[in-house]
Amino acid sequence: MKLRLVVLSLALALASTAHAAARNVTDPQAPRALPESDSVNVRWEDPSRFSELRYSGNRWEASRGDWVQELAAYIRERADKRLPAGQRLDVDILDIRRAGGFEGWHGPNLQNTRIIRDVYPPRMTLNVRLTDAGGNVIAQGERKLSDPGFLMGDTSSLDTDPLRFEKRLIDRWLSQELKS
């Protein structure tokens, strides 16, 4: 019986340590850019300044995870496939507001649940610079992305992805920005 209690205590201690070590987008040691690439580079400032955290109904829950880096990697992956040879795309993520919101007034059972409603569309603000093989600027400037009809589109291939609405927003922007 004592061995069982010791094993259970050890398991609980390890679980709480693992939970405490979970990544947080505002962690000072978290990266603020993807590793350099020849074709697509993505950077971002401190996510604590993003609308997602500043205007969240649950700042703690909104900062959990590594969603900024995941979205940055998604931008790189998708842009790399569309970018013509020799061109370079530099993206600075200035702001993110994820789809959905936290509605604390539903009580303690739902305070950590992201509620997806059409009044909470995904939004991003990016600073973009597209150059050709010679370093000449093809396009640059700020891009404000938003999808007010995000609940009407087909997301069947991304149904379980918590970033599915933001990824679809990125795909739509890249198809317009990098017309091939």
Protein backbone atom coordinates (compact mmCIF):
# COMPACT_ATOMS: atom_id res chain seq x y z
CA MET A 1 0.00 0.00 0.00
CA LYS A 2 2.84 2.42 0.85
CA LEU A 3 4.55 1.69 -2.47
CA ARG A 4 1.34 2.47 -4.33
CA LEU A 5 1.05 5.79 -2.46
CA VAL A 6 4.68 6.69 -3.25
CA VAL A 7 4.22 5.87 -6.94
CA LEU A 8 1.01 7.91 -7.10
CA SER A 9 2.69 10.87 -5.36
CA LEU A 10 5.62 10.69 -7.77
CA ALA A 11 3.28 10.55 -10.77
CA LEU A 12 1.35 13.59 -9.54
CA ALA A 13 4.58 15.52 -8.94
CA LEU A 14 5.83 14.75 -12.45
CA ALA A 15 2.49 15.71 -13.97
CA SER A 16 2.42 19.06 -12.16
CA THR A 17 6.03 19.76 -13.23
CA ALA A 18 5.16 18.99 -16.86
CA HIS A 19 2.11 21.27 -16.64
CA ALA A 20 4.19 24.08 -15.11
CA ALA A 21 6.71 23.75 -17.96
CA ALA A 22 4.05 24.16 -20.67
CA ARG A 23 4.96 26.81 -23.25
CA ASN A 24 3.40 30.21 -23.09
CA VAL A 25 3.51 32.68 -26.03
CA THR A 26 4.63 35.47 -23.70
CA ASP A 27 7.54 33.47 -22.27
CA PRO A 28 10.65 35.71 -22.47
CA GLN A 29 12.72 32.73 -23.68
CA ALA A 30 10.27 31.94 -26.49
CA PRO A 31 11.65 32.72 -29.95
CA ARG A 32 10.54 35.90 -31.74
CA ALA A 33 11.41 34.65 -35.23
CA LEU A 34 11.75 31.46 -37.20
CA PRO A 35 15.29 30.44 -38.12
CA GLU A 36 16.61 32.39 -41.14
CA SER A 37 15.74 31.06 -44.58
CA ASP A 38 16.75 32.03 -48.12
CA SER A 39 13.16 32.41 -49.29
CA VAL A 40 10.66 33.08 -46.45
CA ASN A 41 11.43 34.74 -43.13
CA VAL A 42 8.86 35.36 -40.42
CA ARG A 43 9.37 37.48 -37.28
CA TRP A 44 7.13 38.85 -34.54
CA GLU A 45 7.36 41.14 -31.56
CA ASP A 46 6.24 40.39 -28.03
CA PRO A 47 2.86 38.60 -28.31
CA SER A 48 1.69 40.20 -25.05
CA ARG A 49 1.00 43.28 -27.19
CA PHE A 50 -1.20 41.35 -29.61
CA SER A 51 -4.95 42.02 -29.53
CA GLU A 52 -5.50 38.35 -28.72
CA LEU A 53 -3.98 38.91 -25.28
CA ARG A 54 -4.72 42.59 -24.65
CA TYR A 55 -8.47 42.26 -25.26
CA SER A 56 -8.98 38.67 -24.18
CA GLY A 57 -11.60 37.78 -21.64
CA ASN A 58 -9.06 35.31 -20.24
CA ARG A 59 -5.50 36.50 -20.79
CA TRP A 60 -3.97 33.48 -19.08
CA GLU A 61 -5.78 30.97 -21.29
CA ALA A 62 -5.15 33.04 -24.43
CA SER A 63 -1.40 33.03 -23.82
CA ARG A 64 -1.16 29.25 -23.39
CA GLY A 65 0.52 27.21 -26.08
CA ASP A 66 2.84 28.05 -28.92
CA TRP A 67 0.27 29.32 -31.43
CA VAL A 68 2.31 32.33 -32.63
CA GLN A 69 5.21 30.13 -33.67
CA GLU A 70 2.80 27.60 -35.20
CA LEU A 71 1.18 30.32 -37.33
CA ALA A 72 4.59 31.68 -38.32
CA ALA A 73 5.70 28.20 -39.40
CA TYR A 74 2.47 27.81 -41.35
CA ILE A 75 3.07 31.11 -43.17
CA ARG A 76 6.57 29.94 -44.11
CA GLU A 77 5.46 26.49 -45.22
CA ARG A 78 2.59 27.73 -47.38
CA ALA A 79 4.47 30.72 -48.82
CA ASP A 80 7.47 28.54 -49.68
CA LYS A 81 5.23 26.39 -51.89
CA ARG A 82 3.85 29.41 -53.78
CA LEU A 83 6.92 31.62 -54.01
CA PRO A 84 8.58 31.63 -57.46
CA ALA A 85 12.25 30.63 -57.51
CA GLY A 86 14.59 33.47 -56.59
CA GLN A 87 11.99 35.57 -54.81
CA ARG A 88 12.13 36.31 -51.10
CA LEU A 89 9.28 37.09 -48.69
CA ASP A 90 9.86 38.77 -45.32
CA VAL A 91 6.88 38.88 -42.97
CA ASP A 92 6.66 40.69 -39.65
CA ILE A 93 3.62 39.68 -37.61
CA LEU A 94 2.40 42.89 -36.00
CA ASP A 95 -0.88 41.70 -34.47
CA ILE A 96 -3.06 38.61 -34.14
CA ARG A 97 -6.61 38.24 -32.91
CA ARG A 98 -7.67 34.62 -33.05
CA ALA A 99 -11.16 33.46 -33.95
CA GLY A 100 -13.48 33.11 -31.00
CA GLY A 101 -13.33 34.60 -27.56
CA PHE A 102 -13.58 33.82 -23.88
CA GLU A 103 -16.96 34.63 -22.36
CA GLY A 104 -16.42 34.56 -18.62
CA TRP A 105 -20.01 35.42 -17.84
CA HIS A 106 -20.99 31.80 -18.59
CA GLY A 107 -19.48 30.85 -15.23
CA PRO A 108 -16.45 28.99 -13.98
CA ASN A 109 -17.17 25.84 -16.00
CA LEU A 110 -16.69 27.70 -19.31
CA GLN A 111 -14.26 30.49 -18.40
CA ASN A 112 -11.36 28.65 -20.07
CA THR A 113 -13.34 27.69 -23.17
CA ARG A 114 -12.91 29.60 -26.42
CA ILE A 115 -16.40 30.29 -27.76
CA ILE A 116 -16.54 30.46 -31.56
CA ARG A 117 -19.10 32.99 -32.80
CA ASP A 118 -19.25 35.11 -35.94
CA VAL A 119 -18.68 38.27 -33.86
CA TYR A 120 -15.13 37.06 -33.10
CA PRO A 121 -13.52 36.71 -36.57
CA PRO A 122 -9.81 35.97 -36.96
CA ARG A 123 -7.64 39.01 -37.73
CA MET A 124 -3.96 39.57 -38.42
CA THR A 125 -1.82 42.55 -39.27
CA LEU A 126 1.38 41.82 -41.17
CA ASN A 127 4.19 43.92 -42.56
CA VAL A 128 5.31 42.32 -45.82
CA ARG A 129 8.26 42.76 -48.16
CA LEU A 130 8.50 40.72 -51.36
CA THR A 131 11.70 40.96 -53.42
CA ASP A 132 12.93 39.37 -56.62
CA ALA A 133 16.21 37.50 -57.19
CA GLY A 134 18.06 40.80 -57.69
CA GLY A 135 16.80 42.26 -54.42
CA ASN A 136 14.34 44.61 -56.12
CA VAL A 137 11.15 45.22 -54.16
CA ILE A 138 8.09 43.77 -55.88
CA ALA A 139 5.60 44.56 -53.10
CA GLN A 140 5.73 45.84 -49.57
CA GLY A 141 3.55 47.33 -46.89
CA GLU A 142 1.10 46.53 -44.16
CA ARG A 143 -1.56 43.90 -44.75
CA LYS A 144 -4.66 43.77 -42.56
CA LEU A 145 -6.25 40.34 -42.83
CA SER A 146 -9.76 39.57 -41.61
CA ASP A 147 -12.38 36.96 -42.38
CA PRO A 148 -15.83 38.06 -41.14
CA GLY A 149 -17.43 35.05 -42.88
CA PHE A 150 -15.04 32.53 -41.33
CA LEU A 151 -17.85 30.28 -40.10
CA MET A 152 -19.35 29.93 -43.58
CA GLY A 153 -16.36 28.35 -45.32
CA ASP A 154 -15.32 24.73 -45.63
CA THR A 155 -12.79 23.70 -42.99
CA SER A 156 -13.35 19.96 -43.23
CA SER A 157 -9.65 19.21 -43.75
CA LEU A 158 -8.73 21.18 -40.63
CA ASP A 159 -11.67 20.34 -38.36
CA THR A 160 -9.62 19.41 -35.29
CA ASP A 161 -6.96 22.10 -35.67
CA PRO A 162 -7.48 24.87 -33.08
CA LEU A 163 -5.84 27.31 -35.55
CA ARG A 164 -7.96 26.26 -38.56
CA PHE A 165 -9.63 29.66 -39.02
CA GLU A 166 -6.34 31.58 -38.82
CA LYS A 167 -4.68 29.15 -41.25
CA ARG A 168 -7.50 29.57 -43.76
CA LEU A 169 -7.06 33.35 -43.41
CA ILE A 170 -3.34 32.94 -44.19
CA ASP A 171 -4.06 30.70 -47.19
CA ARG A 172 -6.49 33.23 -48.64
CA TRP A 173 -3.99 36.07 -48.19
CA LEU A 174 -1.11 34.11 -49.76
CA SER A 175 -3.21 33.15 -52.78
CA GLN A 176 -3.82 36.87 -53.40
CA GLU A 177 -0.33 38.09 -52.48
CA LEU A 178 1.62 35.44 -54.39
CA LYS A 179 -0.43 34.97 -57.52
CA SER A 180 1.37 32.49 -59.71
